Amino acid sequence: MWLIVNFDLPTETKVERRRATQFRNMLIKEGFIMKQLSMYIQWFPNKTQAMVMSERIGRLTPKKGYISVIPITDKQFSIAKNYVGTMEIDIEKPQSQLLLFE
């Protein structure tokens, strides 16, 4: 399961810019990678863990911020297309899982 976090945070004052930076840094600390300027993604091994993180992000949203947390399955994510200009590039891959038993 993938979580996509899109956000629009105010940055007009020094305090707002600091809160926006703190929010982005929190996402990175939690393992998200920047897909675009205000869009971060992370892969989770199951829906439960993804929803726990979604709730955590909701609690940490700055008061004047607008955040969307969108869960999608691996299958849905795998059919996404990424382009740089007119050139198609590979999509992100989930982290490899440790196999304990086979």
PDB file of N, CA and C in Angstrom:
ATOM      1  N   MET A   1       0.848  -1.172   0.000  1.00  0.00           N
ATOM      2  CA  MET A   1       0.000   0.000   0.000  1.00  0.00           C
ATOM      3  C   MET A   1       0.894   1.236   0.000  1.00  0.00           C
ATOM      4  N   TRP A   2       0.550   2.197  -0.809  1.00  0.00           N
ATOM      5  CA  TRP A   2       1.270   3.460  -0.890  1.00  0.00           C
ATOM      6  C   TRP A   2       0.420   4.562  -0.265  1.00  0.00           C
ATOM      7  N   LEU A   3       1.082   5.509   0.397  1.00  0.00           N
ATOM      8  CA  LEU A   3       0.418   6.723   0.845  1.00  0.00           C
ATOM      9  C   LEU A   3       0.979   7.879   0.036  1.00  0.00           C
ATOM     10  N   ILE A   4       0.089   8.660  -0.521  1.00  0.00           N
ATOM     11  CA  ILE A   4       0.473   9.883  -1.219  1.00  0.00           C
ATOM     12  C   ILE A   4       0.002  11.040  -0.358  1.00  0.00           C
ATOM     13  N   VAL A   5       0.919  11.926  -0.008  1.00  0.00           N
ATOM     14  CA  VAL A   5       0.583  13.093   0.805  1.00  0.00           C
ATOM     15  C   VAL A   5       0.761  14.338  -0.059  1.00  0.00           C
ATOM     16  N   ASN A   6      -0.342  15.018  -0.322  1.00  0.00           N
ATOM     17  CA  ASN A   6      -0.332  16.299  -1.043  1.00  0.00           C
ATOM     18  C   ASN A   6      -0.657  17.384  -0.033  1.00  0.00           C
ATOM     19  N   PHE A   7       0.006  18.507  -0.139  1.00  0.00           N
ATOM     20  CA  PHE A   7      -0.294  19.558   0.819  1.00  0.00           C
ATOM     21  C   PHE A   7      -0.090  20.946   0.240  1.00  0.00           C
ATOM     22  N   ASP A   8      -0.817  21.862   0.839  1.00  0.00           N
ATOM     23  CA  ASP A   8      -0.702  23.278   0.541  1.00  0.00           C
ATOM     24  C   ASP A   8      -0.644  23.970   1.893  1.00  0.00           C
ATOM     25  N   LEU A   9       0.525  24.481   2.233  1.00  0.00           N
ATOM     26  CA  LEU A   9       0.722  25.126   3.525  1.00  0.00           C
ATOM     27  C   LEU A   9       1.036  26.602   3.315  1.00  0.00           C
ATOM     28  N   PRO A  10       0.485  27.459   4.183  1.00  0.00           N
ATOM     29  CA  PRO A  10       0.791  28.879   4.031  1.00  0.00           C
ATOM     30  C   PRO A  10       2.271  29.150   4.323  1.00  0.00           C
ATOM     31  N   THR A  11       2.848  30.086   3.581  1.00  0.00           N
ATOM     32  CA  THR A  11       4.270  30.427   3.756  1.00  0.00           C
ATOM     33  C   THR A  11       4.498  31.938   3.690  1.00  0.00           C
ATOM     34  N   GLU A  12       3.487  32.711   4.053  1.00  0.00           N
ATOM     35  CA  GLU A  12       3.605  34.166   3.959  1.00  0.00           C
ATOM     36  C   GLU A  12       4.455  34.772   5.067  1.00  0.00           C
ATOM     37  N   THR A  13       4.384  34.209   6.267  1.00  0.00           N
ATOM     38  CA  THR A  13       5.163  34.762   7.387  1.00  0.00           C
ATOM     39  C   THR A  13       6.310  33.815   7.728  1.00  0.00           C
ATOM     40  N   LYS A  14       7.241  34.329   8.517  1.00  0.00           N
ATOM     41  CA  LYS A  14       8.383  33.517   8.945  1.00  0.00           C
ATOM     42  C   LYS A  14       7.913  32.300   9.748  1.00  0.00           C
ATOM     43  N   VAL A  15       6.931  32.485  10.593  1.00  0.00           N
ATOM     44  CA  VAL A  15       6.392  31.380  11.401  1.00  0.00           C
ATOM     45  C   VAL A  15       5.751  30.332  10.500  1.00  0.00           C
ATOM     46  N   GLU A  16       4.967  30.761   9.506  1.00  0.00           N
ATOM     47  CA  GLU A  16       4.333  29.817   8.590  1.00  0.00           C
ATOM     48  C   GLU A  16       5.378  29.044   7.779  1.00  0.00           C
ATOM     49  N   ARG A  17       6.427  29.723   7.324  1.00  0.00           N
ATOM     50  CA  ARG A  17       7.485  29.033   6.573  1.00  0.00           C
ATOM     51  C   ARG A  17       8.179  27.996   7.458  1.00  0.00           C
ATOM     52  N   ARG A  18       8.416  28.343   8.720  1.00  0.00           N
ATOM     53  CA  ARG A  18       9.051  27.396   9.641  1.00  0.00           C
ATOM     54  C   ARG A  18       8.156  26.179   9.859  1.00  0.00           C
ATOM     55  N   ARG A  19       6.849  26.396  10.032  1.00  0.00           N
ATOM     56  CA  ARG A  19       5.919  25.269  10.227  1.00  0.00           C
ATOM     57  C   ARG A  19       5.845  24.391   8.983  1.00  0.00           C
ATOM     58  N   ALA A  20       5.864  25.012   7.808  1.00  0.00           N
ATOM     59  CA  ALA A  20       5.842  24.240   6.562  1.00  0.00           C
ATOM     60  C   ALA A  20       7.102  23.398   6.440  1.00  0.00           C
ATOM     61  N   THR A  21       8.249  23.978   6.773  1.00  0.00           N
ATOM     62  CA  THR A  21       9.519  23.237   6.735  1.00  0.00           C
ATOM     63  C   THR A  21       9.507  22.105   7.751  1.00  0.00           C
ATOM     64  N   GLN A  22       8.994  22.361   8.932  1.00  0.00           N
ATOM     65  CA  GLN A  22       8.908  21.313   9.961  1.00  0.00           C
ATOM     66  C   GLN A  22       8.020  20.164   9.493  1.00  0.00           C
ATOM     67  N   PHE A  23       6.927  20.481   8.818  1.00  0.00           N
ATOM     68  CA  PHE A  23       6.034  19.441   8.313  1.00  0.00           C
ATOM     69  C   PHE A  23       6.742  18.596   7.260  1.00  0.00           C
ATOM     70  N   ARG A  24       7.410  19.248   6.304  1.00  0.00           N
ATOM     71  CA  ARG A  24       8.150  18.498   5.273  1.00  0.00           C
ATOM     72  C   ARG A  24       9.244  17.648   5.906  1.00  0.00           C
ATOM     73  N   ASN A  25       9.966  18.196   6.867  1.00  0.00           N
ATOM     74  CA  ASN A  25      11.024  17.433   7.544  1.00  0.00           C
ATOM     75  C   ASN A  25      10.462  16.244   8.306  1.00  0.00           C
ATOM     76  N   MET A  26       9.263  16.395   8.887  1.00  0.00           N
ATOM     77  CA  MET A  26       8.620  15.279   9.581  1.00  0.00           C
ATOM     78  C   MET A  26       8.316  14.161   8.597  1.00  0.00           C
ATOM     79  N   LEU A  27       7.805  14.518   7.411  1.00  0.00           N
ATOM     80  CA  LEU A  27       7.512  13.495   6.406  1.00  0.00           C
ATOM     81  C   LEU A  27       8.791  12.735   6.023  1.00  0.00           C
ATOM     82  N   ILE A  28       9.874  13.460   5.810  1.00  0.00           N
ATOM     83  CA  ILE A  28      11.143  12.824   5.446  1.00  0.00           C
ATOM     84  C   ILE A  28      11.636  11.939   6.583  1.00  0.00           C
ATOM     85  N   LYS A  29      11.540  12.425   7.809  1.00  0.00           N
ATOM     86  CA  LYS A  29      11.959  11.633   8.974  1.00  0.00           C
ATOM     87  C   LYS A  29      11.149  10.341   9.100  1.00  0.00           C
ATOM     88  N   GLU A  30       9.881  10.401   8.700  1.00  0.00           N
ATOM     89  CA  GLU A  30       8.998   9.229   8.770  1.00  0.00           C
ATOM     90  C   GLU A  30       9.198   8.283   7.592  1.00  0.00           C
ATOM     91  N   GLY A  31      10.083   8.650   6.646  1.00  0.00           N
ATOM     92  CA  GLY A  31      10.400   7.745   5.547  1.00  0.00           C
ATOM     93  C   GLY A  31       9.782   8.097   4.210  1.00  0.00           C
ATOM     94  N   PHE A  32       9.095   9.223   4.115  1.00  0.00           N
ATOM     95  CA  PHE A  32       8.510   9.640   2.846  1.00  0.00           C
ATOM     96  C   PHE A  32       9.601  10.190   1.932  1.00  0.00           C
ATOM     97  N   ILE A  33       9.367  10.078   0.644  1.00  0.00           N
ATOM     98  CA  ILE A  33      10.269  10.688  -0.329  1.00  0.00           C
ATOM     99  C   ILE A  33       9.480  11.724  -1.130  1.00  0.00           C
ATOM    100  N   MET A  34      10.185  12.777  -1.519  1.00  0.00           N
ATOM    101  CA  MET A  34       9.528  13.840  -2.262  1.00  0.00           C
ATOM    102  C   MET A  34       9.329  13.403  -3.705  1.00  0.00           C
ATOM    103  N   LYS A  35       8.080  13.393  -4.129  1.00  0.00           N
ATOM    104  CA  LYS A  35       7.737  13.079  -5.514  1.00  0.00           C
ATOM    105  C   LYS A  35       7.705  14.368  -6.330  1.00  0.00           C
ATOM    106  N   GLN A  36       7.093  15.384  -5.778  1.00  0.00           N
ATOM    107  CA  GLN A  36       7.075  16.732  -6.330  1.00  0.00           C
ATOM    108  C   GLN A  36       7.156  17.694  -5.155  1.00  0.00           C
ATOM    109  N   LEU A  37       7.180  18.984  -5.419  1.00  0.00           N
ATOM    110  CA  LEU A  37       7.421  19.965  -4.369  1.00  0.00           C
ATOM    111  C   LEU A  37       6.508  19.795  -3.156  1.00  0.00           C
ATOM    112  N   SER A  38       5.232  19.618  -3.354  1.00  0.00           N
ATOM    113  CA  SER A  38       4.291  19.452  -2.244  1.00  0.00           C
ATOM    114  C   SER A  38       3.592  18.100  -2.299  1.00  0.00           C
ATOM    115  N   MET A  39       4.331  17.080  -2.748  1.00  0.00           N
ATOM    116  CA  MET A  39       3.786  15.728  -2.849  1.00  0.00           C
ATOM    117  C   MET A  39       4.852  14.734  -2.415  1.00  0.00           C
ATOM    118  N   TYR A  40       4.524  13.981  -1.383  1.00  0.00           N
ATOM    119  CA  TYR A  40       5.447  12.989  -0.842  1.00  0.00           C
ATOM    120  C   TYR A  40       4.779  11.626  -0.873  1.00  0.00           C
ATOM    121  N   ILE A  41       5.584  10.574  -1.012  1.00  0.00           N
ATOM    122  CA  ILE A  41       5.035   9.218  -1.074  1.00  0.00           C
ATOM    123  C   ILE A  41       5.830   8.290  -0.163  1.00  0.00           C
ATOM    124  N   GLN A  42       5.160   7.257   0.284  1.00  0.00           N
ATOM    125  CA  GLN A  42       5.830   6.198   1.045  1.00  0.00           C
ATOM    126  C   GLN A  42       5.065   4.896   0.853  1.00  0.00           C
ATOM    127  N   TRP A  43       5.810   3.798   0.790  1.00  0.00           N
ATOM    128  CA  TRP A  43       5.233   2.465   0.679  1.00  0.00           C
ATOM    129  C   TRP A  43       5.118   1.851   2.066  1.00  0.00           C
ATOM    130  N   PHE A  44       4.019   1.142   2.315  1.00  0.00           N
ATOM    131  CA  PHE A  44       3.791   0.433   3.573  1.00  0.00           C
ATOM    132  C   PHE A  44       3.448  -1.016   3.260  1.00  0.00           C
ATOM    133  N   PRO A  45       3.871  -1.946   4.113  1.00  0.00           N
ATOM    134  CA  PRO A  45       3.625  -3.359   3.836  1.00  0.00           C
ATOM    135  C   PRO A  45       2.152  -3.775   3.958  1.00  0.00           C
ATOM    136  N   ASN A  46       1.339  -2.947   4.640  1.00  0.00           N
ATOM    137  CA  ASN A  46      -0.077  -3.307   4.762  1.00  0.00           C
ATOM    138  C   ASN A  46      -0.927  -2.072   5.015  1.00  0.00           C
ATOM    139  N   LYS A  47      -2.226  -2.246   4.871  1.00  0.00           N
ATOM    140  CA  LYS A  47      -3.174  -1.138   5.007  1.00  0.00           C
ATOM    141  C   LYS A  47      -3.185  -0.585   6.430  1.00  0.00           C
ATOM    142  N   THR A  48      -3.067  -1.447   7.422  1.00  0.00           N
ATOM    143  CA  THR A  48      -3.113  -1.004   8.813  1.00  0.00           C
ATOM    144  C   THR A  48      -2.004  -0.001   9.107  1.00  0.00           C
ATOM    145  N   GLN A  49      -0.784  -0.328   8.700  1.00  0.00           N
ATOM    146  CA  GLN A  49       0.334   0.591   8.944  1.00  0.00           C
ATOM    147  C   GLN A  49       0.150   1.899   8.175  1.00  0.00           C
ATOM    148  N   ALA A  50      -0.364   1.818   6.965  1.00  0.00           N
ATOM    149  CA  ALA A  50      -0.606   3.022   6.170  1.00  0.00           C
ATOM    150  C   ALA A  50      -1.652   3.916   6.842  1.00  0.00           C
ATOM    151  N   MET A  51      -2.703   3.317   7.389  1.00  0.00           N
ATOM    152  CA  MET A  51      -3.747   4.107   8.034  1.00  0.00           C
ATOM    153  C   MET A  51      -3.268   4.716   9.355  1.00  0.00           C
ATOM    154  N   VAL A  52      -2.406   4.006  10.080  1.00  0.00           N
ATOM    155  CA  VAL A  52      -1.818   4.570  11.305  1.00  0.00           C
ATOM    156  C   VAL A  52      -1.012   5.817  10.954  1.00  0.00           C
ATOM    157  N   MET A  53      -0.217   5.737   9.887  1.00  0.00           N
ATOM    158  CA  MET A  53       0.569   6.898   9.475  1.00  0.00           C
ATOM    159  C   MET A  53      -0.340   8.020   8.989  1.00  0.00           C
ATOM    160  N   SER A  54      -1.400   7.688   8.284  1.00  0.00           N
ATOM    161  CA  SER A  54      -2.340   8.694   7.816  1.00  0.00           C
ATOM    162  C   SER A  54      -2.927   9.480   8.989  1.00  0.00           C
ATOM    163  N   GLU A  55      -3.322   8.776  10.034  1.00  0.00           N
ATOM    164  CA  GLU A  55      -3.860   9.429  11.232  1.00  0.00           C
ATOM    165  C   GLU A  55      -2.803  10.303  11.898  1.00  0.00           C
ATOM    166  N   ARG A  56      -1.564   9.825  11.938  1.00  0.00           N
ATOM    167  CA  ARG A  56      -0.458  10.611  12.536  1.00  0.00           C
ATOM    168  C   ARG A  56      -0.260  11.910  11.767  1.00  0.00           C
ATOM    169  N   ILE A  57      -0.268  11.828  10.457  1.00  0.00           N
ATOM    170  CA  ILE A  57      -0.112  13.032   9.633  1.00  0.00           C
ATOM    171  C   ILE A  57      -1.257  13.997   9.906  1.00  0.00           C
ATOM    172  N   GLY A  58      -2.469  13.484  10.025  1.00  0.00           N
ATOM    173  CA  GLY A  58      -3.618  14.334  10.327  1.00  0.00           C
ATOM    174  C   GLY A  58      -3.456  15.087  11.629  1.00  0.00           C
ATOM    175  N   ARG A  59      -2.891  14.435  12.635  1.00  0.00           N
ATOM    176  CA  ARG A  59      -2.674  15.094  13.925  1.00  0.00           C
ATOM    177  C   ARG A  59      -1.572  16.147  13.860  1.00  0.00           C
ATOM    178  N   LEU A  60      -0.625  16.002  12.922  1.00  0.00           N
ATOM    179  CA  LEU A  60       0.518  16.911  12.837  1.00  0.00           C
ATOM    180  C   LEU A  60       0.355  17.998  11.772  1.00  0.00           C
ATOM    181  N   THR A  61      -0.817  18.073  11.163  1.00  0.00           N
ATOM    182  CA  THR A  61      -1.064  19.088  10.142  1.00  0.00           C
ATOM    183  C   THR A  61      -1.082  20.473  10.778  1.00  0.00           C
ATOM    184  N   PRO A  62      -0.318  21.417  10.222  1.00  0.00           N
ATOM    185  CA  PRO A  62      -0.384  22.788  10.741  1.00  0.00           C
ATOM    186  C   PRO A  62      -1.810  23.328  10.671  1.00  0.00           C
ATOM    187  N   LYS A  63      -2.179  24.183  11.622  1.00  0.00           N
ATOM    188  CA  LYS A  63      -3.561  24.657  11.743  1.00  0.00           C
ATOM    189  C   LYS A  63      -4.117  25.268  10.462  1.00  0.00           C
ATOM    190  N   LYS A  64      -3.315  25.991   9.714  1.00  0.00           N
ATOM    191  CA  LYS A  64      -3.802  26.619   8.494  1.00  0.00           C
ATOM    192  C   LYS A  64      -3.445  25.800   7.251  1.00  0.00           C
ATOM    193  N   GLY A  65      -3.006  24.581   7.456  1.00  0.00           N
ATOM    194  CA  GLY A  65      -2.587  23.756   6.333  1.00  0.00           C
ATOM    195  C   GLY A  65      -3.729  22.982   5.711  1.00  0.00           C
ATOM    196  N   TYR A  66      -3.547  22.622   4.464  1.00  0.00           N
ATOM    197  CA  TYR A  66      -4.499  21.773   3.748  1.00  0.00           C
ATOM    198  C   TYR A  66      -3.724  20.548   3.279  1.00  0.00           C
ATOM    199  N   ILE A  67      -4.064  19.382   3.826  1.00  0.00           N
ATOM    200  CA  ILE A  67      -3.344  18.138   3.553  1.00  0.00           C
ATOM    201  C   ILE A  67      -4.324  17.106   3.008  1.00  0.00           C
ATOM    202  N   SER A  68      -3.909  16.387   1.979  1.00  0.00           N
ATOM    203  CA  SER A  68      -4.662  15.225   1.497  1.00  0.00           C
ATOM    204  C   SER A  68      -3.742  14.016   1.612  1.00  0.00           C
ATOM    205  N   VAL A  69      -4.225  12.966   2.272  1.00  0.00           N
ATOM    206  CA  VAL A  69      -3.485  11.710   2.382  1.00  0.00           C
ATOM    207  C   VAL A  69      -4.297  10.676   1.602  1.00  0.00           C
ATOM    208  N   ILE A  70      -3.683  10.157   0.543  1.00  0.00           N
ATOM    209  CA  ILE A  70      -4.400   9.272  -0.376  1.00  0.00           C
ATOM    210  C   ILE A  70      -3.742   7.893  -0.377  1.00  0.00           C
ATOM    211  N   PRO A  71      -4.438   6.871   0.117  1.00  0.00           N
ATOM    212  CA  PRO A  71      -3.888   5.519   0.055  1.00  0.00           C
ATOM    213  C   PRO A  71      -4.222   4.874  -1.295  1.00  0.00           C
ATOM    214  N   ILE A  72      -3.241   4.213  -1.878  1.00  0.00           N
ATOM    215  CA  ILE A  72      -3.496   3.446  -3.101  1.00  0.00           C
ATOM    216  C   ILE A  72      -2.748   2.121  -3.018  1.00  0.00           C
ATOM    217  N   THR A  73      -3.253   1.143  -3.715  1.00  0.00           N
ATOM    218  CA  THR A  73      -2.643  -0.181  -3.689  1.00  0.00           C
ATOM    219  C   THR A  73      -1.398  -0.217  -4.576  1.00  0.00           C
ATOM    220  N   ASP A  74      -0.586  -1.252  -4.380  1.00  0.00           N
ATOM    221  CA  ASP A  74       0.581  -1.452  -5.247  1.00  0.00           C
ATOM    222  C   ASP A  74       0.150  -1.559  -6.707  1.00  0.00           C
ATOM    223  N   LYS A  75      -0.956  -2.266  -6.946  1.00  0.00           N
ATOM    224  CA  LYS A  75      -1.425  -2.450  -8.324  1.00  0.00           C
ATOM    225  C   LYS A  75      -1.790  -1.104  -8.961  1.00  0.00           C
ATOM    226  N   GLN A  76      -2.512  -0.271  -8.219  1.00  0.00           N
ATOM    227  CA  GLN A  76      -2.864   1.047  -8.736  1.00  0.00           C
ATOM    228  C   GLN A  76      -1.610   1.887  -8.980  1.00  0.00           C
ATOM    229  N   PHE A  77      -0.682   1.848  -8.039  1.00  0.00           N
ATOM    230  CA  PHE A  77       0.543   2.639  -8.164  1.00  0.00           C
ATOM    231  C   PHE A  77       1.381   2.171  -9.348  1.00  0.00           C
ATOM    232  N   SER A  78       1.371   0.859  -9.603  1.00  0.00           N
ATOM    233  CA  SER A  78       2.220   0.300 -10.655  1.00  0.00           C
ATOM    234  C   SER A  78       1.798   0.723 -12.059  1.00  0.00           C
ATOM    235  N   ILE A  79       0.547   1.156 -12.223  1.00  0.00           N
ATOM    236  CA  ILE A  79       0.120   1.575 -13.564  1.00  0.00           C
ATOM    237  C   ILE A  79       0.282   3.083 -13.788  1.00  0.00           C
ATOM    238  N   ALA A  80       0.816   3.769 -12.777  1.00  0.00           N
ATOM    239  CA  ALA A  80       1.082   5.208 -12.938  1.00  0.00           C
ATOM    240  C   ALA A  80       2.158   5.413 -13.997  1.00  0.00           C
ATOM    241  N   LYS A  81       2.087   6.510 -14.676  1.00  0.00           N
ATOM    242  CA  LYS A  81       3.089   6.885 -15.671  1.00  0.00           C
ATOM    243  C   LYS A  81       3.771   8.165 -15.198  1.00  0.00           C
ATOM    244  N   ASN A  82       5.080   8.200 -15.304  1.00  0.00           N
ATOM    245  CA  ASN A  82       5.862   9.380 -14.947  1.00  0.00           C
ATOM    246  C   ASN A  82       6.595   9.876 -16.174  1.00  0.00           C
ATOM    247  N   TYR A  83       6.559  11.168 -16.375  1.00  0.00           N
ATOM    248  CA  TYR A  83       7.222  11.766 -17.533  1.00  0.00           C
ATOM    249  C   TYR A  83       8.084  12.937 -17.091  1.00  0.00           C
ATOM    250  N   VAL A  84       9.234  13.041 -17.731  1.00  0.00           N
ATOM    251  CA  VAL A  84      10.062  14.236 -17.634  1.00  0.00           C
ATOM    252  C   VAL A  84      10.100  14.779 -19.052  1.00  0.00           C
ATOM    253  N   GLY A  85       9.447  15.912 -19.248  1.00  0.00           N
ATOM    254  CA  GLY A  85       9.247  16.362 -20.621  1.00  0.00           C
ATOM    255  C   GLY A  85       8.399  15.326 -21.336  1.00  0.00           C
ATOM    256  N   THR A  86       8.865  14.821 -22.454  1.00  0.00           N
ATOM    257  CA  THR A  86       8.119  13.791 -23.180  1.00  0.00           C
ATOM    258  C   THR A  86       8.672  12.391 -22.934  1.00  0.00           C
ATOM    259  N   MET A  87       9.714  12.293 -22.095  1.00  0.00           N
ATOM    260  CA  MET A  87      10.348  11.003 -21.844  1.00  0.00           C
ATOM    261  C   MET A  87       9.726  10.320 -20.622  1.00  0.00           C
ATOM    262  N   GLU A  88       9.268   9.076 -20.800  1.00  0.00           N
ATOM    263  CA  GLU A  88       8.707   8.316 -19.688  1.00  0.00           C
ATOM    264  C   GLU A  88       9.838   7.779 -18.822  1.00  0.00           C
ATOM    265  N   ILE A  89       9.666   7.873 -17.493  1.00  0.00           N
ATOM    266  CA  ILE A  89      10.674   7.375 -16.563  1.00  0.00           C
ATOM    267  C   ILE A  89      10.034   6.339 -15.648  1.00  0.00           C
ATOM    268  N   ASP A  90      10.870   5.533 -15.000  1.00  0.00           N
ATOM    269  CA  ASP A  90      10.383   4.489 -14.104  1.00  0.00           C
ATOM    270  C   ASP A  90       9.693   5.091 -12.886  1.00  0.00           C
ATOM    271  N   ILE A  91       8.701   4.365 -12.363  1.00  0.00           N
ATOM    272  CA  ILE A  91       8.054   4.774 -11.124  1.00  0.00           C
ATOM    273  C   ILE A  91       8.866   4.235  -9.962  1.00  0.00           C
ATOM    274  N   GLU A  92       8.598   4.759  -8.778  1.00  0.00           N
ATOM    275  CA  GLU A  92       9.278   4.297  -7.579  1.00  0.00           C
ATOM    276  C   GLU A  92       8.902   2.849  -7.299  1.00  0.00           C
ATOM    277  N   LYS A  93       9.800   2.130  -6.700  1.00  0.00           N
ATOM    278  CA  LYS A  93       9.563   0.732  -6.347  1.00  0.00           C
ATOM    279  C   LYS A  93       9.419   0.613  -4.835  1.00  0.00           C
ATOM    280  N   PRO A  94       8.569  -0.327  -4.364  1.00  0.00           N
ATOM    281  CA  PRO A  94       8.456  -0.534  -2.921  1.00  0.00           C
ATOM    282  C   PRO A  94       9.775  -1.028  -2.358  1.00  0.00           C
ATOM    283  N   GLN A  95       9.982  -0.766  -1.080  1.00  0.00           N
ATOM    284  CA  GLN A  95      11.168  -1.262  -0.412  1.00  0.00           C
ATOM    285  C   GLN A  95      11.118  -2.778  -0.419  1.00  0.00           C
ATOM    286  N   SER A  96      12.294  -3.404  -0.482  1.00  0.00           N
ATOM    287  CA  SER A  96      12.300  -4.862  -0.435  1.00  0.00           C
ATOM    288  C   SER A  96      11.935  -5.327   0.970  1.00  0.00           C
ATOM    289  N   GLN A  97      11.172  -6.401   1.025  1.00  0.00           N
ATOM    290  CA  GLN A  97      10.748  -6.940   2.304  1.00  0.00           C
ATOM    291  C   GLN A  97      11.685  -8.074   2.711  1.00  0.00           C
ATOM    292  N   LEU A  98      11.915  -8.184   3.982  1.00  0.00           N
ATOM    293  CA  LEU A  98      12.732  -9.264   4.515  1.00  0.00           C
ATOM    294  C   LEU A  98      11.880 -10.526   4.573  1.00  0.00           C
ATOM    295  N   LEU A  99      12.345 -11.586   3.929  1.00  0.00           N
ATOM    296  CA  LEU A  99      11.617 -12.845   3.913  1.00  0.00           C
ATOM    297  C   LEU A  99      12.170 -13.723   5.021  1.00  0.00           C
ATOM    298  N   LEU A 100      11.342 -14.018   6.023  1.00  0.00           N
ATOM    299  CA  LEU A 100      11.772 -14.822   7.163  1.00  0.00           C
ATOM    300  C   LEU A 100      11.471 -16.308   6.945  1.00  0.00           C
ATOM    301  N   PHE A 101      10.320 -16.603   6.359  1.00  0.00           N
ATOM    302  CA  PHE A 101       9.912 -17.977   6.137  1.00  0.00           C
ATOM    303  C   PHE A 101       9.425 -18.125   4.715  1.00  0.00           C
ATOM    304  N   GLU A 102       9.683 -19.249   4.126  1.00  0.00           N
ATOM    305  CA  GLU A 102       9.206 -19.477   2.771  1.00  0.00           C
ATOM    306  C   GLU A 102       8.346 -20.699   2.715  1.00  0.00           C
TER     307      GLU A 102
END
